[in-house]
Amino acid sequence: MTKSFEEIPLTPISDTPSTVNITGLWRVMRPVVDREKCKKCTICWKFCPDVSIKLVDGVPEIDYQYCKGCGICATECPSKCIVMVKEGEQ
């Protein structure tokens, strides 16, 4: 069952994993992966603070239900196959 922000205790770290709290609606920018450019280094997956990147055959797939659009994946990607776009644009 998903909790509202009022139901989550006030602590520096939530007692609930982010996979339980759908946080994708907070996003202003979203990462988009160019699968052709991806070198399958998995750095984006390692740095994602929300565990919203899944690797499918070594290529990242973003789970937009949980991605907050922080851009860490795009910043850390050495092949620059991840770009941040404004939410609602392609």
C-alpha atoms as a PDB file:
ATOM      1  CA  MET A   1       0.000   0.000   0.000  1.00  0.00           C
ATOM      2  CA  THR A   2       1.402   3.395  -1.002  1.00  0.00           C
ATOM      3  CA  LYS A   3       1.675   5.937   1.808  1.00  0.00           C
ATOM      4  CA  SER A   4       1.123   9.657   1.434  1.00  0.00           C
ATOM      5  CA  PHE A   5       3.911  12.012   2.507  1.00  0.00           C
ATOM      6  CA  GLU A   6       1.925  12.790   5.663  1.00  0.00           C
ATOM      7  CA  GLU A   7       2.008   9.111   6.675  1.00  0.00           C
ATOM      8  CA  ILE A   8       5.779   8.702   6.328  1.00  0.00           C
ATOM      9  CA  PRO A   9       7.579   9.476   9.621  1.00  0.00           C
ATOM     10  CA  LEU A  10       9.661  12.645   9.782  1.00  0.00           C
ATOM     11  CA  THR A  11      13.203  11.290   9.741  1.00  0.00           C
ATOM     12  CA  PRO A  12      16.311  12.076   7.711  1.00  0.00           C
ATOM     13  CA  ILE A  13      15.894   8.705   5.978  1.00  0.00           C
ATOM     14  CA  SER A  14      12.496   7.216   5.154  1.00  0.00           C
ATOM     15  CA  ASP A  15      11.644   3.900   6.772  1.00  0.00           C
ATOM     16  CA  THR A  16      10.083   2.820   3.484  1.00  0.00           C
ATOM     17  CA  PRO A  17      12.112   1.944   0.378  1.00  0.00           C
ATOM     18  CA  SER A  18      11.500   4.215  -2.603  1.00  0.00           C
ATOM     19  CA  THR A  19      10.168   1.232  -4.559  1.00  0.00           C
ATOM     20  CA  VAL A  20       7.047   1.481  -2.375  1.00  0.00           C
ATOM     21  CA  ASN A  21       6.588   5.247  -2.822  1.00  0.00           C
ATOM     22  CA  ILE A  22       5.820   6.212  -6.410  1.00  0.00           C
ATOM     23  CA  THR A  23       7.851   9.402  -6.834  1.00  0.00           C
ATOM     24  CA  GLY A  24       7.914   9.902 -10.603  1.00  0.00           C
ATOM     25  CA  LEU A  25       5.289  12.655 -10.493  1.00  0.00           C
ATOM     26  CA  TRP A  26       7.866  14.974  -8.868  1.00  0.00           C
ATOM     27  CA  ARG A  27       9.925  15.034 -12.049  1.00  0.00           C
ATOM     28  CA  VAL A  28      10.453  18.151 -14.183  1.00  0.00           C
ATOM     29  CA  MET A  29      13.188  16.628 -16.376  1.00  0.00           C
ATOM     30  CA  ARG A  30      13.469  12.985 -17.379  1.00  0.00           C
ATOM     31  CA  PRO A  31      16.354  10.890 -18.660  1.00  0.00           C
ATOM     32  CA  VAL A  32      16.107   9.376 -22.132  1.00  0.00           C
ATOM     33  CA  VAL A  33      18.474   6.585 -23.178  1.00  0.00           C
ATOM     34  CA  ASP A  34      19.895   6.271 -26.702  1.00  0.00           C
ATOM     35  CA  ARG A  35      20.285   2.495 -26.838  1.00  0.00           C
ATOM     36  CA  GLU A  36      22.575   2.709 -29.896  1.00  0.00           C
ATOM     37  CA  LYS A  37      25.160   4.844 -28.057  1.00  0.00           C
ATOM     38  CA  CYS A  38      25.101   2.794 -24.831  1.00  0.00           C
ATOM     39  CA  LYS A  39      28.380   0.971 -24.071  1.00  0.00           C
ATOM     40  CA  LYS A  40      26.746  -1.177 -21.341  1.00  0.00           C
ATOM     41  CA  CYS A  41      29.122   0.129 -18.667  1.00  0.00           C
ATOM     42  CA  THR A  42      26.328   0.105 -16.009  1.00  0.00           C
ATOM     43  CA  ILE A  43      27.601   3.320 -14.387  1.00  0.00           C
ATOM     44  CA  CYS A  44      24.128   4.905 -14.593  1.00  0.00           C
ATOM     45  CA  TRP A  45      22.653   1.924 -12.756  1.00  0.00           C
ATOM     46  CA  LYS A  46      25.335   2.097 -10.050  1.00  0.00           C
ATOM     47  CA  PHE A  47      24.823   5.821  -9.408  1.00  0.00           C
ATOM     48  CA  CYS A  48      21.009   5.993  -9.516  1.00  0.00           C
ATOM     49  CA  PRO A  49      19.918   7.005  -5.996  1.00  0.00           C
ATOM     50  CA  ASP A  50      16.332   5.816  -6.519  1.00  0.00           C
ATOM     51  CA  VAL A  51      17.035   2.393  -8.006  1.00  0.00           C
ATOM     52  CA  SER A  52      14.857   3.413 -10.947  1.00  0.00           C
ATOM     53  CA  ILE A  53      17.208   2.016 -13.587  1.00  0.00           C
ATOM     54  CA  LYS A  54      16.914  -1.627 -14.572  1.00  0.00           C
ATOM     55  CA  LEU A  55      19.454  -3.277 -16.862  1.00  0.00           C
ATOM     56  CA  VAL A  56      18.039  -5.266 -19.760  1.00  0.00           C
ATOM     57  CA  ASP A  57      20.844  -7.079 -21.578  1.00  0.00           C
ATOM     58  CA  GLY A  58      23.202  -4.524 -20.016  1.00  0.00           C
ATOM     59  CA  VAL A  59      21.275  -1.543 -21.408  1.00  0.00           C
ATOM     60  CA  PRO A  60      19.527   0.810 -18.947  1.00  0.00           C
ATOM     61  CA  GLU A  61      15.762   1.101 -18.902  1.00  0.00           C
ATOM     62  CA  ILE A  62      14.289   3.878 -16.772  1.00  0.00           C
ATOM     63  CA  ASP A  63      11.309   3.143 -14.548  1.00  0.00           C
ATOM     64  CA  TYR A  64       9.571   6.509 -14.744  1.00  0.00           C
ATOM     65  CA  GLN A  65       7.251   5.664 -11.840  1.00  0.00           C
ATOM     66  CA  TYR A  66      10.223   6.066  -9.488  1.00  0.00           C
ATOM     67  CA  CYS A  67      12.683   8.298 -11.380  1.00  0.00           C
ATOM     68  CA  LYS A  68      12.754  11.792  -9.854  1.00  0.00           C
ATOM     69  CA  GLY A  69      14.719  13.270 -12.755  1.00  0.00           C
ATOM     70  CA  CYS A  70      17.823  14.164 -10.743  1.00  0.00           C
ATOM     71  CA  GLY A  71      20.075  13.747 -13.807  1.00  0.00           C
ATOM     72  CA  ILE A  72      22.855  11.858 -12.037  1.00  0.00           C
ATOM     73  CA  CYS A  73      22.637   9.062 -14.620  1.00  0.00           C
ATOM     74  CA  ALA A  74      23.105  11.525 -17.497  1.00  0.00           C
ATOM     75  CA  THR A  75      25.948  13.342 -15.741  1.00  0.00           C
ATOM     76  CA  GLU A  76      27.853  10.158 -14.935  1.00  0.00           C
ATOM     77  CA  CYS A  77      27.344   8.423 -18.297  1.00  0.00           C
ATOM     78  CA  PRO A  78      30.752   8.350 -20.045  1.00  0.00           C
ATOM     79  CA  SER A  79      29.246   7.701 -23.497  1.00  0.00           C
ATOM     80  CA  LYS A  80      26.606  10.450 -23.030  1.00  0.00           C
ATOM     81  CA  CYS A  81      23.870   8.104 -24.207  1.00  0.00           C
ATOM     82  CA  ILE A  82      21.503   9.513 -21.559  1.00  0.00           C
ATOM     83  CA  VAL A  83      20.143  13.013 -22.044  1.00  0.00           C
ATOM     84  CA  MET A  84      17.737  14.948 -19.857  1.00  0.00           C
ATOM     85  CA  VAL A  85      14.622  16.327 -21.556  1.00  0.00           C
ATOM     86  CA  LYS A  86      11.865  18.465 -20.171  1.00  0.00           C
ATOM     87  CA  GLU A  87       8.924  16.367 -19.003  1.00  0.00           C
ATOM     88  CA  GLY A  88       6.262  16.207 -21.722  1.00  0.00           C
ATOM     89  CA  GLU A  89       8.790  16.646 -24.570  1.00  0.00           C
ATOM     90  CA  GLN A  90      10.380  13.822 -26.553  1.00  0.00           C
END
